């Protein structure tokens, strides 16, 4: 009877812990969204040279976080590599990393919340695993490591599975209000001719991806002499962001909320402005990361690809916007991330399935190009732009 009670208690605690992780992660994203609006639409709305002053101040704060809290968190790829290798993500410095990410995102960084999500889910998930392991020992219940085969090990990991399931449901439910409208709603329906247009637009998007990688190398070298001066380094990154935002629209924040605005206003913005936004975004993403700002790259990279695709569609009105936007976005993303197929999965998850063929063509072009390049004697592909942290 006591063992049954212990098992029920363990399952209940696992569900509560998992739900708490999902709620905290979703709550953090809502907090970022709320504080962004508070800072930019209430506190500093009447400030002259608002973007320049606020972003520069944000750079100073980012630099202070780097100096006193350390260089946390690591990049998304670094975190995933750590989890794959050890099955854990250290949560010792989780508050430090969240502080730096919060400052970066609140003060307008052209970066996304993906890094914070991975850090929270990975770090808190590891903590939940430690708590469940501790309760197993206290209740003297068998541990998965003592299982004889994988099936038995999986069955003995049921508390962790409960925590994961409840945490996922809590996260998605609480996040629904933040992204309930989706990322981008096209007016045009899919046409088979879109697949043909995806070829030239995908090639242009791939070129943008390789430009992004070159900019990453260049900005790292440019910021390297300032590695021991984090405040000055962060301030310069914020100043550059604020300066670009003074002259170009849609430069601040991750871009997921700006996708629909850019699509709806593409004709008014015009080819030149859209092209400059795309190129400036590619530069400033790398510039901010090189100067100590923290955040994810995927959403802002996708926004840059969308701006590039919209520029093509405005210049050549015969090209449907969905074909230009999604192919440029998918190809750019496929070049940047380590495995192009992940770009296709992301596109399929984030946009209506009726357009998935466009992404398939664009990602397929990138994969074909990479395979042909590798076959050339003495040739090697450049390193992907998303790399584990080495600092």
Foldseek 3Di string as FASTA:
>chain_A
DVLVVLVVVLLVVLLVLLLVLLQVLLVLVVVLVVLLCCVCVPVCVPPPLRQLVLLLVLLLVLLVLCVPLNQDDWFPVQQVVCCVVPVAGACPSLVSRSVLQSSLQSSFALFAAPRNSSSSCRHSLRVSVVVSVVSCVVSVHDALVPDDDDVRSVVRCVSSVSSNVSNVVSNCVSNCVVQVVFQADDPDFDDPCLQVVLVVLLVVLLVLLVVLQVLLVVLLVVLVVCPVPLSVLSSVLSNLQSVVCVPAPPSTHNCSNVLHVCVVCLLVCALVRLLCSLNSLSNSNSSNVSSRRDHHDLSSLLNSQLSNLSSVCRVPVVNDSLSNSLSSSLSSNLQADPHSVVSLVVSPVRDPVSSSSSSVSSSVVNVVVQVVQVPPPPGHDDDHRRDIDDD
